[in-house]
N, C-alpha and C. Protein backbone atom coordinates (compact mmCIF):
# COMPACT_ATOMS: atom_id res chain seq x y z
N MET A 1 113.15 84.67 84.34
CA MET A 1 112.96 86.03 84.80
C MET A 1 111.75 86.64 84.10
N THR A 2 110.81 87.16 84.88
CA THR A 2 109.63 87.77 84.29
C THR A 2 109.89 89.25 84.04
N ASN A 3 109.19 89.79 83.10
CA ASN A 3 109.33 91.20 82.76
C ASN A 3 108.12 91.97 83.25
N LYS A 4 107.78 91.81 84.52
CA LYS A 4 106.62 92.45 85.13
C LYS A 4 107.02 93.83 85.64
N ASN A 5 106.49 94.85 85.03
CA ASN A 5 106.78 96.21 85.47
C ASN A 5 105.91 96.56 86.67
N THR A 6 106.39 97.48 87.48
CA THR A 6 105.59 97.97 88.59
C THR A 6 104.49 98.87 88.04
N SER A 7 103.48 99.09 88.84
CA SER A 7 102.35 99.92 88.44
C SER A 7 102.79 101.37 88.23
N LYS A 8 102.22 102.01 87.21
CA LYS A 8 102.49 103.43 86.96
C LYS A 8 101.65 104.32 87.87
N ARG A 9 100.57 103.76 88.38
CA ARG A 9 99.60 104.54 89.14
C ARG A 9 100.22 105.34 90.30
N PRO A 10 101.02 104.74 91.20
CA PRO A 10 101.55 105.54 92.31
C PRO A 10 102.48 106.66 91.84
N TYR A 11 103.21 106.42 90.78
CA TYR A 11 104.12 107.44 90.25
C TYR A 11 103.33 108.63 89.70
N LEU A 12 102.23 108.31 88.99
CA LEU A 12 101.40 109.37 88.42
C LEU A 12 100.64 110.13 89.51
N ILE A 13 100.21 109.43 90.55
CA ILE A 13 99.53 110.09 91.67
C ILE A 13 100.49 111.06 92.35
N ARG A 14 101.72 110.61 92.62
CA ARG A 14 102.71 111.48 93.25
C ARG A 14 103.01 112.69 92.37
N ALA A 15 103.15 112.46 91.07
CA ALA A 15 103.45 113.56 90.15
C ALA A 15 102.31 114.57 90.10
N MET A 16 101.08 114.08 89.98
CA MET A 16 99.93 114.99 89.93
C MET A 16 99.78 115.75 91.24
N HIS A 17 100.00 115.06 92.36
CA HIS A 17 99.92 115.70 93.68
C HIS A 17 100.94 116.84 93.77
N GLU A 18 102.17 116.56 93.38
CA GLU A 18 103.22 117.59 93.42
C GLU A 18 102.89 118.76 92.51
N TRP A 19 102.40 118.47 91.30
CA TRP A 19 102.06 119.52 90.35
C TRP A 19 100.95 120.42 90.91
N MET A 20 99.94 119.82 91.53
CA MET A 20 98.84 120.60 92.09
C MET A 20 99.32 121.47 93.25
N ILE A 21 100.13 120.92 94.13
CA ILE A 21 100.67 121.69 95.26
C ILE A 21 101.52 122.85 94.74
N ASP A 22 102.39 122.59 93.75
CA ASP A 22 103.24 123.63 93.18
C ASP A 22 102.42 124.75 92.55
N ASN A 23 101.21 124.43 92.10
CA ASN A 23 100.34 125.42 91.46
C ASN A 23 99.25 125.93 92.39
N SER A 24 99.48 125.79 93.70
CA SER A 24 98.56 126.29 94.74
C SER A 24 97.13 125.78 94.56
N GLN A 25 97.02 124.51 94.18
CA GLN A 25 95.71 123.89 94.04
C GLN A 25 95.54 122.83 95.11
N THR A 26 94.30 122.42 95.33
CA THR A 26 93.97 121.46 96.38
C THR A 26 93.72 120.08 95.77
N PRO A 27 94.66 119.14 95.95
CA PRO A 27 94.48 117.81 95.37
C PRO A 27 93.46 116.97 96.13
N HIS A 28 92.59 116.33 95.39
CA HIS A 28 91.59 115.41 95.94
C HIS A 28 91.72 114.08 95.19
N ILE A 29 91.45 113.00 95.88
CA ILE A 29 91.40 111.69 95.23
C ILE A 29 90.00 111.11 95.37
N VAL A 30 89.60 110.35 94.38
CA VAL A 30 88.34 109.61 94.42
C VAL A 30 88.75 108.15 94.58
N VAL A 31 88.16 107.49 95.60
CA VAL A 31 88.58 106.15 95.98
C VAL A 31 87.41 105.17 95.88
N ASP A 32 87.69 104.01 95.30
CA ASP A 32 86.74 102.90 95.23
C ASP A 32 86.81 102.17 96.56
N VAL A 33 85.73 102.20 97.34
CA VAL A 33 85.76 101.62 98.69
C VAL A 33 85.59 100.10 98.70
N LYS A 34 85.40 99.50 97.53
CA LYS A 34 85.24 98.04 97.47
C LYS A 34 86.58 97.30 97.50
N VAL A 35 87.69 98.03 97.42
CA VAL A 35 89.02 97.42 97.40
C VAL A 35 89.44 97.06 98.82
N ASP A 36 90.00 95.88 98.99
CA ASP A 36 90.46 95.42 100.31
C ASP A 36 91.62 96.28 100.81
N GLY A 37 91.72 96.38 102.13
CA GLY A 37 92.83 97.09 102.76
C GLY A 37 92.57 98.57 102.98
N LEU A 38 91.37 99.01 102.72
CA LEU A 38 91.01 100.41 102.84
C LEU A 38 90.62 100.75 104.27
N SER A 39 91.06 101.90 104.75
CA SER A 39 90.67 102.37 106.07
C SER A 39 90.26 103.84 105.95
N VAL A 40 88.95 104.06 105.84
CA VAL A 40 88.38 105.41 105.72
C VAL A 40 87.11 105.46 106.57
N PRO A 41 86.68 106.66 106.96
CA PRO A 41 85.44 106.75 107.73
C PRO A 41 84.22 106.41 106.86
N VAL A 42 83.49 105.39 107.25
CA VAL A 42 82.39 104.88 106.42
C VAL A 42 81.24 105.87 106.27
N GLU A 43 81.08 106.77 107.21
CA GLU A 43 79.97 107.73 107.13
C GLU A 43 80.13 108.74 105.99
N HIS A 44 81.31 108.78 105.37
CA HIS A 44 81.55 109.71 104.26
C HIS A 44 81.54 109.02 102.90
N ILE A 45 81.18 107.75 102.87
CA ILE A 45 81.13 106.99 101.62
C ILE A 45 79.81 107.30 100.91
N VAL A 46 79.90 107.60 99.63
CA VAL A 46 78.71 107.88 98.81
C VAL A 46 78.81 107.06 97.52
N ASP A 47 77.81 106.24 97.26
CA ASP A 47 77.75 105.42 96.04
C ASP A 47 79.01 104.57 95.84
N GLY A 48 79.53 104.00 96.92
CA GLY A 48 80.69 103.12 96.81
C GLY A 48 82.01 103.84 96.61
N LYS A 49 82.01 105.17 96.80
CA LYS A 49 83.22 105.97 96.60
C LYS A 49 83.36 106.96 97.76
N ILE A 50 84.60 107.39 97.96
CA ILE A 50 84.85 108.47 98.91
C ILE A 50 85.86 109.42 98.27
N THR A 51 85.63 110.70 98.44
CA THR A 51 86.55 111.72 97.94
C THR A 51 87.32 112.27 99.13
N LEU A 52 88.64 112.29 99.00
CA LEU A 52 89.51 112.72 100.09
C LEU A 52 90.41 113.87 99.65
N ASN A 53 90.50 114.88 100.50
CA ASN A 53 91.41 116.00 100.30
C ASN A 53 92.79 115.54 100.75
N ILE A 54 93.78 115.56 99.84
CA ILE A 54 95.12 115.12 100.22
C ILE A 54 96.13 116.28 100.16
N SER A 55 95.63 117.50 100.42
CA SER A 55 96.55 118.64 100.52
C SER A 55 97.35 118.51 101.81
N HIS A 56 98.43 119.27 101.91
CA HIS A 56 99.28 119.18 103.09
C HIS A 56 98.56 119.66 104.36
N THR A 57 97.59 120.54 104.21
CA THR A 57 96.87 121.03 105.38
C THR A 57 95.82 120.03 105.87
N ALA A 58 95.32 119.18 104.97
CA ALA A 58 94.28 118.22 105.34
C ALA A 58 94.82 116.83 105.63
N ALA A 59 95.86 116.44 104.90
CA ALA A 59 96.41 115.09 105.02
C ALA A 59 97.79 115.18 105.69
N HIS A 60 97.80 115.05 107.00
CA HIS A 60 99.05 115.17 107.75
C HIS A 60 99.85 113.88 107.65
N GLU A 61 101.17 114.06 107.53
CA GLU A 61 102.09 112.92 107.40
C GLU A 61 101.73 112.04 106.19
N LEU A 62 101.36 112.68 105.09
CA LEU A 62 101.01 111.96 103.86
C LEU A 62 102.21 111.20 103.33
N GLU A 63 102.00 109.92 103.07
CA GLU A 63 103.02 109.09 102.45
C GLU A 63 102.36 108.30 101.33
N ILE A 64 102.94 108.43 100.14
CA ILE A 64 102.43 107.70 98.98
C ILE A 64 103.52 106.72 98.54
N THR A 65 103.32 105.46 98.88
CA THR A 65 104.28 104.42 98.48
C THR A 65 103.76 103.77 97.20
N ASN A 66 104.45 102.75 96.75
CA ASN A 66 103.99 102.07 95.54
C ASN A 66 102.78 101.19 95.78
N THR A 67 102.41 100.98 97.05
CA THR A 67 101.25 100.13 97.35
C THR A 67 100.13 100.84 98.09
N ASN A 68 100.47 101.81 98.95
CA ASN A 68 99.45 102.47 99.79
C ASN A 68 99.68 103.96 99.92
N MET A 69 98.59 104.65 100.21
CA MET A 69 98.65 106.05 100.63
C MET A 69 98.20 106.07 102.08
N THR A 70 98.99 106.65 102.95
CA THR A 70 98.60 106.75 104.36
C THR A 70 98.74 108.20 104.81
N PHE A 71 97.84 108.61 105.69
CA PHE A 71 97.90 109.94 106.26
C PHE A 71 96.92 110.03 107.42
N GLN A 72 97.06 111.10 108.18
CA GLN A 72 96.13 111.38 109.27
C GLN A 72 95.27 112.56 108.86
N ALA A 73 93.98 112.45 109.08
CA ALA A 73 93.05 113.51 108.71
C ALA A 73 91.97 113.65 109.78
N ARG A 74 91.25 114.75 109.70
CA ARG A 74 90.13 114.97 110.61
C ARG A 74 88.84 114.96 109.80
N PHE A 75 87.87 114.25 110.32
CA PHE A 75 86.55 114.19 109.70
C PHE A 75 85.56 114.63 110.76
N GLY A 76 84.97 115.81 110.55
CA GLY A 76 84.06 116.35 111.56
C GLY A 76 84.79 116.61 112.87
N GLY A 77 86.07 116.98 112.79
CA GLY A 77 86.87 117.27 113.98
C GLY A 77 87.46 116.04 114.65
N ILE A 78 87.11 114.86 114.18
CA ILE A 78 87.60 113.62 114.80
C ILE A 78 88.80 113.10 113.99
N PRO A 79 89.96 112.90 114.65
CA PRO A 79 91.14 112.39 113.92
C PRO A 79 90.93 110.96 113.44
N PHE A 80 91.51 110.66 112.28
CA PHE A 80 91.35 109.33 111.67
C PHE A 80 92.62 108.99 110.91
N ASP A 81 93.14 107.78 111.10
CA ASP A 81 94.28 107.28 110.33
C ASP A 81 93.75 106.65 109.05
N VAL A 82 94.06 107.26 107.92
CA VAL A 82 93.55 106.81 106.63
C VAL A 82 94.60 105.95 105.93
N CYS A 83 94.14 104.87 105.34
CA CYS A 83 95.00 104.02 104.51
C CYS A 83 94.23 103.68 103.24
N VAL A 84 94.81 104.02 102.11
CA VAL A 84 94.18 103.78 100.81
C VAL A 84 95.14 102.99 99.94
N PRO A 85 94.79 101.77 99.56
CA PRO A 85 95.63 101.06 98.58
C PRO A 85 95.66 101.86 97.28
N VAL A 86 96.83 101.98 96.70
CA VAL A 86 96.97 102.79 95.49
C VAL A 86 96.05 102.30 94.38
N ASN A 87 95.82 100.99 94.30
CA ASN A 87 94.95 100.48 93.24
C ASN A 87 93.48 100.82 93.47
N ALA A 88 93.13 101.39 94.63
CA ALA A 88 91.76 101.83 94.89
C ALA A 88 91.52 103.26 94.41
N VAL A 89 92.60 103.98 94.10
CA VAL A 89 92.46 105.37 93.65
C VAL A 89 91.94 105.37 92.21
N MET A 90 90.75 105.93 92.05
CA MET A 90 90.11 105.98 90.74
C MET A 90 90.53 107.23 89.97
N GLY A 91 90.96 108.26 90.70
CA GLY A 91 91.37 109.50 90.04
C GLY A 91 91.91 110.50 91.04
N ILE A 92 92.62 111.48 90.52
CA ILE A 92 93.14 112.59 91.32
C ILE A 92 92.85 113.86 90.54
N TYR A 93 92.34 114.88 91.23
CA TYR A 93 92.00 116.12 90.55
C TYR A 93 92.18 117.31 91.48
N ALA A 94 92.31 118.50 90.88
CA ALA A 94 92.43 119.74 91.64
C ALA A 94 91.03 120.29 91.88
N LYS A 95 90.73 120.59 93.12
CA LYS A 95 89.39 121.08 93.48
C LYS A 95 89.05 122.36 92.72
N GLU A 96 90.02 123.24 92.56
CA GLU A 96 89.76 124.55 91.97
C GLU A 96 89.47 124.49 90.47
N THR A 97 90.10 123.58 89.75
CA THR A 97 89.98 123.56 88.29
C THR A 97 89.33 122.29 87.75
N GLY A 98 89.32 121.23 88.55
CA GLY A 98 88.82 119.95 88.07
C GLY A 98 89.82 119.21 87.21
N GLN A 99 90.99 119.82 86.96
CA GLN A 99 92.01 119.16 86.16
C GLN A 99 92.63 118.03 86.95
N GLY A 100 92.94 116.94 86.26
CA GLY A 100 93.56 115.83 86.94
C GLY A 100 93.69 114.62 86.04
N MET A 101 93.58 113.46 86.64
CA MET A 101 93.78 112.20 85.91
C MET A 101 92.83 111.15 86.46
N VAL A 102 92.21 110.40 85.56
CA VAL A 102 91.31 109.32 85.94
C VAL A 102 91.96 108.00 85.54
N PHE A 103 91.88 107.01 86.42
CA PHE A 103 92.46 105.70 86.15
C PHE A 103 91.33 104.70 85.92
N SER A 104 91.42 103.96 84.83
CA SER A 104 90.42 102.92 84.57
C SER A 104 90.82 101.66 85.32
N GLU A 105 89.90 100.71 85.39
CA GLU A 105 90.20 99.45 86.07
C GLU A 105 91.35 98.72 85.39
N LYS A 106 91.45 98.85 84.09
CA LYS A 106 92.46 98.13 83.33
C LYS A 106 93.74 98.95 83.15
N PHE A 107 93.86 100.07 83.88
CA PHE A 107 94.98 100.99 83.70
C PHE A 107 96.33 100.31 83.84
N ASP A 108 96.48 99.45 84.83
CA ASP A 108 97.78 98.85 85.11
C ASP A 108 98.01 97.54 84.39
N ASN A 109 97.02 97.05 83.64
CA ASN A 109 97.22 95.81 82.89
C ASN A 109 98.20 96.05 81.75
N ASP A 110 98.96 95.03 81.44
CA ASP A 110 99.92 95.15 80.34
C ASP A 110 99.16 95.29 79.03
N ARG A 111 99.61 96.19 78.22
CA ARG A 111 99.03 96.34 76.89
C ARG A 111 99.92 95.58 75.94
N LYS A 112 99.33 94.64 75.23
CA LYS A 112 100.12 93.80 74.35
C LYS A 112 100.11 94.37 72.93
N LEU A 113 101.23 94.20 72.27
CA LEU A 113 101.32 94.61 70.88
C LEU A 113 100.57 93.63 70.01
N PRO A 114 100.09 94.06 68.86
CA PRO A 114 99.40 93.13 67.98
C PRO A 114 100.33 92.02 67.53
N LYS A 115 99.76 90.84 67.26
CA LYS A 115 100.55 89.71 66.79
C LYS A 115 101.05 89.97 65.37
N ASP A 116 102.08 89.25 64.99
CA ASP A 116 102.67 89.43 63.67
C ASP A 116 101.65 89.30 62.56
N SER A 117 100.71 88.35 62.68
CA SER A 117 99.72 88.14 61.63
C SER A 117 98.85 89.38 61.45
N ALA A 118 98.56 90.09 62.54
CA ALA A 118 97.78 91.31 62.43
C ALA A 118 98.59 92.41 61.74
N MET A 119 99.88 92.40 61.99
CA MET A 119 100.73 93.41 61.36
C MET A 119 100.87 93.16 59.86
N LYS A 120 100.82 91.89 59.43
CA LYS A 120 100.98 91.56 58.03
C LYS A 120 99.81 92.04 57.20
N LYS A 121 98.66 92.24 57.82
CA LYS A 121 97.48 92.67 57.09
C LYS A 121 97.58 94.10 56.59
N VAL A 122 98.49 94.86 57.19
CA VAL A 122 98.67 96.24 56.76
C VAL A 122 99.32 96.22 55.39
N SER A 123 98.69 96.90 54.43
CA SER A 123 99.23 96.88 53.07
C SER A 123 100.50 97.71 53.01
N LYS A 124 101.44 97.19 52.25
CA LYS A 124 102.72 97.89 52.10
C LYS A 124 102.80 98.41 50.67
N LYS A 125 102.50 99.68 50.52
CA LYS A 125 102.59 100.29 49.20
C LYS A 125 104.01 100.79 48.99
N ARG A 126 104.43 100.78 47.78
CA ARG A 126 105.75 101.31 47.46
C ARG A 126 105.71 102.83 47.59
N SER A 127 106.78 103.35 48.02
CA SER A 127 106.89 104.80 48.16
C SER A 127 106.95 105.44 46.78
N HIS A 128 106.45 106.64 46.69
CA HIS A 128 106.51 107.38 45.44
C HIS A 128 107.86 108.09 45.31
N LEU A 129 108.68 108.01 46.35
CA LEU A 129 110.00 108.66 46.32
C LEU A 129 111.00 107.75 45.62
N LYS A 130 111.97 108.36 44.96
CA LYS A 130 113.00 107.61 44.26
C LYS A 130 114.36 107.98 44.84
N ILE A 131 115.26 107.02 44.81
CA ILE A 131 116.63 107.28 45.26
C ILE A 131 117.38 107.95 44.12
N VAL A 132 117.97 109.08 44.42
CA VAL A 132 118.73 109.81 43.41
C VAL A 132 120.19 109.83 43.84
N SER A 133 121.06 109.63 42.91
CA SER A 133 122.48 109.66 43.28
C SER A 133 123.22 110.76 42.57
């Protein structure tokens, strides 16, 4: 049995989205368009990225699963079915404040604890406290 945890990214995206909506802010995502499985209008791609408004008024039928974000949006008045793999989301932020969260490429990689030998290098000084009875 492997101890592979699911990605934190979709959970954090959903949480940030909800927090922004609750605070009357407009959530936007920045997406890396080099990731496979992406369906966005190519004419809005700038420097390998696209920024998408995912507020309830802009992103109709928004669904954020553990693997994809899907919604219907209009670009220049033309309807478009958008599909964004969650691992393509580079960040989510509120348009009004710029507050949000940025995900690095290594965000979902397991972080390993230092090996025992590295832990042994830490010096163990005796405490200056004494046990009193």
